[in-house]
């Protein structure tokens, strides 16, 4: 029996007789632990942490820019409203009543005497505005001459007042006052522009007062006063030389001054 057991042991393979120890798993490297799966709350908090940081300077700049835009728009609308009010209050330009046809400007050189009736219309319109509403201005006698001379090259213009005198009466209610004005002397103007044209609107007569050598005396109710009376003067406007008569209408005037050739010419 003992021999049989020995024979069985000898018949086993050599590798079976060597019992090697079981393989061991390699040790895990230090500090390399696997992260645990995150919950939804952890993921939400992680997403919140990735938002850009709060920038107060940028928000202030945007607010200022919006404020500037609103202010600019408000100012623009205010300017438009002011312009509209000015246009509503702006008086309409008087209709042009100078003749539509005219001789060329070169024929204006020389002396011209102001026609009395056109000056009377200008004086009445001028002083009626001065006395205001509720009063009536009545023009009396007008004496003397008002003569203009234009140089051959149409660059200079002279005005001569020859023993000129005006009498008038102003009535307000039951009260009436009289005013007399006399003027002597001359005035010198520079002619800045005279243009020819097919229509009165195209024909412009622009002058500038250079020197006033006139002396005047005013009498209120027969008593001499120091205050100088503001008389209508020769002004820039639209012109026409029609049938030998020089017509001049100021830019803001309704009446027309008419000049005829001076007898000396």
C-alpha atoms as a PDB file:
ATOM      1  CA  UNK A   1       0.000   0.000   0.000  1.00  0.00           C
ATOM      2  CA  UNK A   2       2.761   2.316   0.885  1.00  0.00           C
ATOM      3  CA  UNK A   3       4.510   1.510  -2.407  1.00  0.00           C
ATOM      4  CA  UNK A   4       1.351   2.255  -4.357  1.00  0.00           C
ATOM      5  CA  UNK A   5       1.073   5.726  -2.807  1.00  0.00           C
ATOM      6  CA  UNK A   6       4.662   6.498  -3.670  1.00  0.00           C
ATOM      7  CA  UNK A   7       4.088   5.462  -7.302  1.00  0.00           C
ATOM      8  CA  UNK A   8       1.023   7.741  -7.588  1.00  0.00           C
ATOM      9  CA  UNK A   9       2.989  10.716  -6.333  1.00  0.00           C
ATOM     10  CA  UNK A  10       5.786  10.070  -8.794  1.00  0.00           C
ATOM     11  CA  UNK A  11       3.341   9.965 -11.739  1.00  0.00           C
ATOM     12  CA  UNK A  12       2.132  13.609 -11.154  1.00  0.00           C
ATOM     13  CA  UNK A  13       3.599  16.338 -13.470  1.00  0.00           C
ATOM     14  CA  UNK A  14       6.389  18.455 -12.140  1.00  0.00           C
ATOM     15  CA  UNK A  15       4.412  21.744 -12.438  1.00  0.00           C
ATOM     16  CA  UNK A  16       1.657  20.260 -10.348  1.00  0.00           C
ATOM     17  CA  UNK A  17       4.142  19.441  -7.708  1.00  0.00           C
ATOM     18  CA  UNK A  18       5.291  23.188  -7.603  1.00  0.00           C
ATOM     19  CA  UNK A  19       2.568  25.263  -6.016  1.00  0.00           C
ATOM     20  CA  UNK A  20       3.357  28.907  -6.841  1.00  0.00           C
ATOM     21  CA  UNK A  21       1.914  31.626  -4.697  1.00  0.00           C
ATOM     22  CA  UNK A  22      -1.145  33.532  -6.153  1.00  0.00           C
ATOM     23  CA  UNK A  23      -0.434  36.705  -8.162  1.00  0.00           C
ATOM     24  CA  UNK A  24      -0.931  39.924  -6.276  1.00  0.00           C
ATOM     25  CA  UNK A  25      -2.457  43.086  -7.857  1.00  0.00           C
ATOM     26  CA  UNK A  26       0.007  45.947  -8.276  1.00  0.00           C
ATOM     27  CA  UNK A  27      -0.312  48.546  -5.582  1.00  0.00           C
ATOM     28  CA  UNK A  28      -2.292  51.667  -6.515  1.00  0.00           C
ATOM     29  CA  UNK A  29      -0.162  54.793  -6.945  1.00  0.00           C
ATOM     30  CA  UNK A  30      -0.295  57.204  -4.105  1.00  0.00           C
ATOM     31  CA  UNK A  31      -2.609  60.313  -4.356  1.00  0.00           C
ATOM     32  CA  UNK A  32      -4.432  59.034  -7.500  1.00  0.00           C
ATOM     33  CA  UNK A  33      -7.864  58.352  -6.175  1.00  0.00           C
ATOM     34  CA  UNK A  34     -10.764  58.146  -8.616  1.00  0.00           C
ATOM     35  CA  UNK A  35     -13.345  61.072  -8.300  1.00  0.00           C
ATOM     36  CA  UNK A  36     -16.762  60.086  -7.148  1.00  0.00           C
ATOM     37  CA  UNK A  37     -19.664  60.855  -9.483  1.00  0.00           C
ATOM     38  CA  UNK A  38     -21.197  64.275  -8.731  1.00  0.00           C
ATOM     39  CA  UNK A  39     -24.812  64.822  -7.929  1.00  0.00           C
ATOM     40  CA  UNK A  40     -27.024  67.278  -9.852  1.00  0.00           C
ATOM     41  CA  UNK A  41     -26.734  69.840  -7.064  1.00  0.00           C
ATOM     42  CA  UNK A  42     -22.956  69.690  -7.279  1.00  0.00           C
ATOM     43  CA  UNK A  43     -23.097  70.161 -11.065  1.00  0.00           C
ATOM     44  CA  UNK A  44     -25.398  73.178 -10.686  1.00  0.00           C
ATOM     45  CA  UNK A  45     -23.084  74.791  -8.158  1.00  0.00           C
ATOM     46  CA  UNK A  46     -20.143  74.132 -10.448  1.00  0.00           C
ATOM     47  CA  UNK A  47     -21.951  75.867 -13.340  1.00  0.00           C
ATOM     48  CA  UNK A  48     -22.710  78.859 -11.174  1.00  0.00           C
ATOM     49  CA  UNK A  49     -19.052  79.236 -10.358  1.00  0.00           C
ATOM     50  CA  UNK A  50     -18.184  79.574 -14.100  1.00  0.00           C
ATOM     51  CA  UNK A  51     -20.277  82.774 -14.618  1.00  0.00           C
ATOM     52  CA  UNK A  52     -18.261  85.926 -15.504  1.00  0.00           C
ATOM     53  CA  UNK A  53     -17.429  88.147 -12.570  1.00  0.00           C
ATOM     54  CA  UNK A  54     -19.656  91.225 -11.835  1.00  0.00           C
ATOM     55  CA  UNK A  55     -18.360  94.356 -13.617  1.00  0.00           C
ATOM     56  CA  UNK A  56     -19.842  97.538 -12.084  1.00  0.00           C
ATOM     57  CA  UNK A  57     -17.724  99.835 -14.278  1.00  0.00           C
ATOM     58  CA  UNK A  58     -19.207  98.444 -17.490  1.00  0.00           C
ATOM     59  CA  UNK A  59     -22.768  98.795 -16.245  1.00  0.00           C
ATOM     60  CA  UNK A  60     -22.164 102.415 -15.206  1.00  0.00           C
ATOM     61  CA  UNK A  61     -20.713 103.212 -18.638  1.00  0.00           C
ATOM     62  CA  UNK A  62     -23.755 101.684 -20.354  1.00  0.00           C
ATOM     63  CA  UNK A  63     -26.102 103.668 -18.106  1.00  0.00           C
ATOM     64  CA  UNK A  64     -24.250 106.913 -18.860  1.00  0.00           C
ATOM     65  CA  UNK A  65     -24.380 106.216 -22.581  1.00  0.00           C
ATOM     66  CA  UNK A  66     -28.150 105.683 -22.430  1.00  0.00           C
ATOM     67  CA  UNK A  67     -28.553 108.891 -20.418  1.00  0.00           C
ATOM     68  CA  UNK A  68     -26.519 110.874 -22.955  1.00  0.00           C
ATOM     69  CA  UNK A  69     -28.620 109.500 -25.798  1.00  0.00           C
ATOM     70  CA  UNK A  70     -31.846 110.500 -24.005  1.00  0.00           C
ATOM     71  CA  UNK A  71     -30.515 114.005 -23.298  1.00  0.00           C
ATOM     72  CA  UNK A  72     -29.398 114.461 -26.919  1.00  0.00           C
ATOM     73  CA  UNK A  73     -32.822 113.376 -28.191  1.00  0.00           C
ATOM     74  CA  UNK A  74     -34.596 115.706 -25.751  1.00  0.00           C
ATOM     75  CA  UNK A  75     -32.419 118.661 -26.853  1.00  0.00           C
ATOM     76  CA  UNK A  76     -33.088 117.907 -30.512  1.00  0.00           C
ATOM     77  CA  UNK A  77     -36.853 117.897 -29.938  1.00  0.00           C
ATOM     78  CA  UNK A  78     -36.602 121.147 -27.941  1.00  0.00           C
ATOM     79  CA  UNK A  79     -34.728 122.828 -30.806  1.00  0.00           C
ATOM     80  CA  UNK A  80     -37.331 121.641 -33.283  1.00  0.00           C
ATOM     81  CA  UNK A  81     -40.151 123.021 -31.118  1.00  0.00           C
ATOM     82  CA  UNK A  82     -38.363 126.370 -30.730  1.00  0.00           C
ATOM     83  CA  UNK A  83     -37.768 126.575 -34.479  1.00  0.00           C
ATOM     84  CA  UNK A  84     -41.426 125.847 -35.146  1.00  0.00           C
ATOM     85  CA  UNK A  85     -42.485 128.607 -32.727  1.00  0.00           C
ATOM     86  CA  UNK A  86     -40.137 131.097 -34.392  1.00  0.00           C
ATOM     87  CA  UNK A  87     -41.487 130.253 -37.817  1.00  0.00           C
ATOM     88  CA  UNK A  88     -45.058 130.678 -36.573  1.00  0.00           C
ATOM     89  CA  UNK A  89     -44.240 134.102 -35.111  1.00  0.00           C
ATOM     90  CA  UNK A  90     -42.146 135.240 -38.064  1.00  0.00           C
ATOM     91  CA  UNK A  91     -44.152 137.815 -40.021  1.00  0.00           C
ATOM     92  CA  UNK A  92     -44.786 137.195 -43.650  1.00  0.00           C
ATOM     93  CA  UNK A  93     -42.678 139.185 -46.066  1.00  0.00           C
ATOM     94  CA  UNK A  94     -44.592 142.064 -47.675  1.00  0.00           C
ATOM     95  CA  UNK A  95     -45.712 141.509 -51.222  1.00  0.00           C
ATOM     96  CA  UNK A  96     -43.435 143.071 -53.840  1.00  0.00           C
ATOM     97  CA  UNK A  97     -45.212 145.952 -55.546  1.00  0.00           C
ATOM     98  CA  UNK A  98     -42.339 147.356 -57.598  1.00  0.00           C
ATOM     99  CA  UNK A  99     -42.857 147.055 -61.378  1.00  0.00           C
ATOM    100  CA  UNK A 100     -41.976 143.645 -62.763  1.00  0.00           C
ATOM    101  CA  UNK A 101     -40.042 145.092 -65.728  1.00  0.00           C
ATOM    102  CA  UNK A 102     -36.930 147.207 -65.413  1.00  0.00           C
ATOM    103  CA  UNK A 103     -34.210 148.935 -67.401  1.00  0.00           C
ATOM    104  CA  UNK A 104     -30.614 147.779 -66.715  1.00  0.00           C
ATOM    105  CA  UNK A 105     -28.841 148.968 -63.573  1.00  0.00           C
ATOM    106  CA  UNK A 106     -26.270 151.022 -65.498  1.00  0.00           C
ATOM    107  CA  UNK A 107     -28.990 153.654 -66.053  1.00  0.00           C
ATOM    108  CA  UNK A 108     -29.251 154.309 -62.301  1.00  0.00           C
ATOM    109  CA  UNK A 109     -26.179 156.561 -62.132  1.00  0.00           C
ATOM    110  CA  UNK A 110     -26.947 160.251 -61.681  1.00  0.00           C
ATOM    111  CA  UNK A 111     -29.329 162.338 -59.509  1.00  0.00           C
ATOM    112  CA  UNK A 112     -32.853 161.376 -58.477  1.00  0.00           C
ATOM    113  CA  UNK A 113     -35.433 163.422 -56.562  1.00  0.00           C
ATOM    114  CA  UNK A 114     -37.833 161.646 -54.216  1.00  0.00           C
ATOM    115  CA  UNK A 115     -41.476 162.082 -55.178  1.00  0.00           C
ATOM    116  CA  UNK A 116     -43.516 163.607 -52.354  1.00  0.00           C
ATOM    117  CA  UNK A 117     -46.445 161.217 -52.448  1.00  0.00           C
ATOM    118  CA  UNK A 118     -44.306 158.106 -51.979  1.00  0.00           C
ATOM    119  CA  UNK A 119     -42.481 159.692 -49.028  1.00  0.00           C
ATOM    120  CA  UNK A 120     -45.831 160.594 -47.430  1.00  0.00           C
ATOM    121  CA  UNK A 121     -46.925 156.952 -47.609  1.00  0.00           C
ATOM    122  CA  UNK A 122     -43.657 155.867 -45.975  1.00  0.00           C
ATOM    123  CA  UNK A 123     -43.959 158.518 -43.219  1.00  0.00           C
ATOM    124  CA  UNK A 124     -47.556 157.611 -42.382  1.00  0.00           C
ATOM    125  CA  UNK A 125     -46.788 153.892 -42.172  1.00  0.00           C
ATOM    126  CA  UNK A 126     -43.661 154.508 -40.100  1.00  0.00           C
ATOM    127  CA  UNK A 127     -45.200 156.867 -37.523  1.00  0.00           C
ATOM    128  CA  UNK A 128     -48.448 154.923 -37.233  1.00  0.00           C
ATOM    129  CA  UNK A 129     -46.380 151.991 -35.927  1.00  0.00           C
ATOM    130  CA  UNK A 130     -44.563 154.387 -33.570  1.00  0.00           C
ATOM    131  CA  UNK A 131     -47.694 155.856 -31.923  1.00  0.00           C
ATOM    132  CA  UNK A 132     -49.154 152.364 -31.513  1.00  0.00           C
ATOM    133  CA  UNK A 133     -52.727 151.112 -31.303  1.00  0.00           C
ATOM    134  CA  UNK A 134     -55.437 153.418 -30.057  1.00  0.00           C
ATOM    135  CA  UNK A 135     -53.857 156.479 -31.661  1.00  0.00           C
ATOM    136  CA  UNK A 136     -54.076 158.006 -35.124  1.00  0.00           C
ATOM    137  CA  UNK A 137     -51.180 159.687 -36.920  1.00  0.00           C
ATOM    138  CA  UNK A 138     -52.069 162.335 -39.479  1.00  0.00           C
ATOM    139  CA  UNK A 139     -49.432 163.834 -41.745  1.00  0.00           C
ATOM    140  CA  UNK A 140     -49.645 167.527 -42.527  1.00  0.00           C
ATOM    141  CA  UNK A 141     -47.439 169.564 -44.846  1.00  0.00           C
ATOM    142  CA  UNK A 142     -44.158 168.158 -46.173  1.00  0.00           C
ATOM    143  CA  UNK A 143     -41.721 170.688 -47.683  1.00  0.00           C
ATOM    144  CA  UNK A 144     -38.236 170.568 -49.131  1.00  0.00           C
ATOM    145  CA  UNK A 145     -36.322 168.096 -51.274  1.00  0.00           C
ATOM    146  CA  UNK A 146     -34.787 164.674 -50.732  1.00  0.00           C
ATOM    147  CA  UNK A 147     -32.221 164.020 -53.478  1.00  0.00           C
ATOM    148  CA  UNK A 148     -30.012 160.973 -54.049  1.00  0.00           C
ATOM    149  CA  UNK A 149     -26.930 160.786 -56.279  1.00  0.00           C
ATOM    150  CA  UNK A 150     -25.333 157.533 -57.477  1.00  0.00           C
ATOM    151  CA  UNK A 151     -21.757 157.457 -58.752  1.00  0.00           C
ATOM    152  CA  UNK A 152     -21.080 156.329 -62.358  1.00  0.00           C
ATOM    153  CA  UNK A 153     -19.548 153.059 -61.133  1.00  0.00           C
ATOM    154  CA  UNK A 154     -22.524 152.498 -58.760  1.00  0.00           C
ATOM    155  CA  UNK A 155     -20.344 152.132 -55.655  1.00  0.00           C
ATOM    156  CA  UNK A 156     -21.331 155.322 -53.764  1.00  0.00           C
ATOM    157  CA  UNK A 157     -24.632 156.998 -52.991  1.00  0.00           C
ATOM    158  CA  UNK A 158     -25.245 160.417 -51.440  1.00  0.00           C
ATOM    159  CA  UNK A 159     -28.473 161.770 -49.924  1.00  0.00           C
ATOM    160  CA  UNK A 160     -29.093 165.517 -49.565  1.00  0.00           C
ATOM    161  CA  UNK A 161     -31.897 166.962 -47.412  1.00  0.00           C
ATOM    162  CA  UNK A 162     -32.752 170.451 -48.738  1.00  0.00           C
ATOM    163  CA  UNK A 163     -34.800 172.554 -46.267  1.00  0.00           C
ATOM    164  CA  UNK A 164     -36.912 169.543 -45.499  1.00  0.00           C
ATOM    165  CA  UNK A 165     -39.786 169.896 -42.989  1.00  0.00           C
ATOM    166  CA  UNK A 166     -42.697 167.730 -41.847  1.00  0.00           C
ATOM    167  CA  UNK A 167     -45.788 168.678 -39.775  1.00  0.00           C
ATOM    168  CA  UNK A 168     -48.032 166.081 -38.151  1.00  0.00           C
ATOM    169  CA  UNK A 169     -50.801 165.540 -35.595  1.00  0.00           C
ATOM    170  CA  UNK A 170     -51.333 162.525 -33.358  1.00  0.00           C
ATOM    171  CA  UNK A 171     -54.769 161.939 -31.840  1.00  0.00           C
ATOM    172  CA  UNK A 172     -55.568 159.612 -28.944  1.00  0.00           C
ATOM    173  CA  UNK A 173     -59.141 159.751 -27.795  1.00  0.00           C
ATOM    174  CA  UNK A 174     -60.065 163.431 -27.324  1.00  0.00           C
ATOM    175  CA  UNK A 175     -56.435 164.552 -26.996  1.00  0.00           C
ATOM    176  CA  UNK A 176     -54.339 165.749 -29.922  1.00  0.00           C
ATOM    177  CA  UNK A 177     -50.661 166.722 -30.071  1.00  0.00           C
ATOM    178  CA  UNK A 178     -48.627 168.244 -32.876  1.00  0.00           C
ATOM    179  CA  UNK A 179     -45.099 167.412 -33.958  1.00  0.00           C
ATOM    180  CA  UNK A 180     -42.865 169.213 -36.451  1.00  0.00           C
ATOM    181  CA  UNK A 181     -39.488 168.008 -37.712  1.00  0.00           C
ATOM    182  CA  UNK A 182     -36.946 169.778 -39.912  1.00  0.00           C
ATOM    183  CA  UNK A 183     -33.831 168.196 -41.436  1.00  0.00           C
ATOM    184  CA  UNK A 184     -30.771 169.670 -43.188  1.00  0.00           C
ATOM    185  CA  UNK A 185     -27.517 168.077 -44.348  1.00  0.00           C
ATOM    186  CA  UNK A 186     -26.320 164.966 -46.160  1.00  0.00           C
ATOM    187  CA  UNK A 187     -25.685 161.246 -45.753  1.00  0.00           C
ATOM    188  CA  UNK A 188     -23.120 159.029 -47.434  1.00  0.00           C
ATOM    189  CA  UNK A 189     -23.778 155.376 -48.320  1.00  0.00           C
ATOM    190  CA  UNK A 190     -21.712 152.573 -49.801  1.00  0.00           C
ATOM    191  CA  UNK A 191     -23.466 150.547 -52.480  1.00  0.00           C
ATOM    192  CA  UNK A 192     -22.669 146.943 -51.638  1.00  0.00           C
ATOM    193  CA  UNK A 193     -24.752 145.273 -54.329  1.00  0.00           C
ATOM    194  CA  UNK A 194     -26.991 146.079 -57.267  1.00  0.00           C
ATOM    195  CA  UNK A 195     -28.172 143.134 -59.320  1.00  0.00           C
ATOM    196  CA  UNK A 196     -30.093 142.984 -62.578  1.00  0.00           C
ATOM    197  CA  UNK A 197     -32.817 140.391 -62.959  1.00  0.00           C
ATOM    198  CA  UNK A 198     -35.966 139.418 -64.789  1.00  0.00           C
ATOM    199  CA  UNK A 199     -38.146 139.683 -61.669  1.00  0.00           C
ATOM    200  CA  UNK A 200     -38.194 142.148 -58.742  1.00  0.00           C
ATOM    201  CA  UNK A 201     -37.120 139.376 -56.384  1.00  0.00           C
ATOM    202  CA  UNK A 202     -33.936 138.932 -58.424  1.00  0.00           C
ATOM    203  CA  UNK A 203     -33.148 142.672 -58.432  1.00  0.00           C
ATOM    204  CA  UNK A 204     -31.488 143.577 -55.134  1.00  0.00           C
ATOM    205  CA  UNK A 205     -30.265 146.973 -54.006  1.00  0.00           C
ATOM    206  CA  UNK A 206     -28.011 146.713 -50.917  1.00  0.00           C
ATOM    207  CA  UNK A 207     -26.467 149.776 -49.250  1.00  0.00           C
ATOM    208  CA  UNK A 208     -24.590 150.625 -46.038  1.00  0.00           C
ATOM    209  CA  UNK A 209     -24.621 153.985 -44.241  1.00  0.00           C
ATOM    210  CA  UNK A 210     -21.080 155.340 -43.894  1.00  0.00           C
ATOM    211  CA  UNK A 211     -21.596 158.859 -42.578  1.00  0.00           C
ATOM    212  CA  UNK A 212     -24.537 160.962 -41.373  1.00  0.00           C
ATOM    213  CA  UNK A 213     -23.999 164.740 -41.552  1.00  0.00           C
ATOM    214  CA  UNK A 214     -27.614 165.763 -41.039  1.00  0.00           C
ATOM    215  CA  UNK A 215     -28.893 168.107 -38.344  1.00  0.00           C
ATOM    216  CA  UNK A 216     -32.504 168.041 -37.242  1.00  0.00           C
ATOM    217  CA  UNK A 217     -34.838 170.021 -35.006  1.00  0.00           C
ATOM    218  CA  UNK A 218     -38.041 168.671 -33.470  1.00  0.00           C
ATOM    219  CA  UNK A 219     -40.895 170.681 -31.972  1.00  0.00           C
ATOM    220  CA  UNK A 220     -43.499 169.020 -29.737  1.00  0.00           C
ATOM    221  CA  UNK A 221     -46.577 171.243 -29.263  1.00  0.00           C
ATOM    222  CA  UNK A 222     -44.442 174.126 -30.481  1.00  0.00           C
ATOM    223  CA  UNK A 223     -41.669 173.475 -27.925  1.00  0.00           C
ATOM    224  CA  UNK A 224     -38.286 172.324 -29.159  1.00  0.00           C
ATOM    225  CA  UNK A 225     -37.266 168.916 -27.833  1.00  0.00           C
ATOM    226  CA  UNK A 226     -33.823 167.333 -27.624  1.00  0.00           C
ATOM    227  CA  UNK A 227     -34.925 163.845 -28.548  1.00  0.00           C
ATOM    228  CA  UNK A 228     -34.135 163.060 -32.162  1.00  0.00           C
ATOM    229  CA  UNK A 229     -37.126 161.810 -34.112  1.00  0.00           C
ATOM    230  CA  UNK A 230     -36.579 158.500 -35.885  1.00  0.00           C
ATOM    231  CA  UNK A 231     -37.449 159.146 -39.537  1.00  0.00           C
ATOM    232  CA  UNK A 232     -37.691 156.439 -42.191  1.00  0.00           C
ATOM    233  CA  UNK A 233     -34.429 156.319 -44.114  1.00  0.00           C
ATOM    234  CA  UNK A 234     -33.210 154.973 -47.396  1.00  0.00           C
ATOM    235  CA  UNK A 235     -32.813 151.238 -47.002  1.00  0.00           C
ATOM    236  CA  UNK A 236     -31.793 148.125 -48.887  1.00  0.00           C
ATOM    237  CA  UNK A 237     -34.467 146.372 -50.872  1.00  0.00           C
ATOM    238  CA  UNK A 238     -35.757 145.405 -54.303  1.00  0.00           C
ATOM    239  CA  UNK A 239     -35.693 147.883 -57.157  1.00  0.00           C
ATOM    240  CA  UNK A 240     -36.994 148.611 -60.620  1.00  0.00           C
ATOM    241  CA  UNK A 241     -36.316 151.363 -63.137  1.00  0.00           C
ATOM    242  CA  UNK A 242     -39.545 151.524 -65.076  1.00  0.00           C
ATOM    243  CA  UNK A 243     -40.600 154.288 -67.505  1.00  0.00           C
ATOM    244  CA  UNK A 244     -37.956 156.640 -66.144  1.00  0.00           C
ATOM    245  CA  UNK A 245     -39.000 156.212 -62.477  1.00  0.00           C
ATOM    246  CA  UNK A 246     -36.677 154.544 -59.948  1.00  0.00           C
ATOM    247  CA  UNK A 247     -38.708 152.361 -57.565  1.00  0.00           C
ATOM    248  CA  UNK A 248     -37.204 151.079 -54.312  1.00  0.00           C
ATOM    249  CA  UNK A 249     -39.034 148.860 -51.825  1.00  0.00           C
ATOM    250  CA  UNK A 250     -37.281 147.964 -48.560  1.00  0.00           C
ATOM    251  CA  UNK A 251     -36.954 144.291 -47.724  1.00  0.00           C
ATOM    252  CA  UNK A 252     -39.429 144.623 -44.821  1.00  0.00           C
ATOM    253  CA  UNK A 253     -41.516 147.509 -46.143  1.00  0.00           C
ATOM    254  CA  UNK A 254     -44.912 147.529 -47.767  1.00  0.00           C
ATOM    255  CA  UNK A 255     -44.515 150.921 -49.407  1.00  0.00           C
ATOM    256  CA  UNK A 256     -42.350 151.922 -52.363  1.00  0.00           C
ATOM    257  CA  UNK A 257     -40.175 154.996 -52.614  1.00  0.00           C
ATOM    258  CA  UNK A 258     -40.314 156.552 -56.063  1.00  0.00           C
ATOM    259  CA  UNK A 259     -37.640 158.827 -57.528  1.00  0.00           C
ATOM    260  CA  UNK A 260     -37.818 160.883 -60.684  1.00  0.00           C
ATOM    261  CA  UNK A 261     -34.885 162.360 -62.607  1.00  0.00           C
ATOM    262  CA  UNK A 262     -33.549 165.487 -60.898  1.00  0.00           C
ATOM    263  CA  UNK A 263     -34.357 168.623 -62.943  1.00  0.00           C
ATOM    264  CA  UNK A 264     -30.681 169.616 -62.941  1.00  0.00           C
ATOM    265  CA  UNK A 265     -29.938 166.456 -64.905  1.00  0.00           C
END
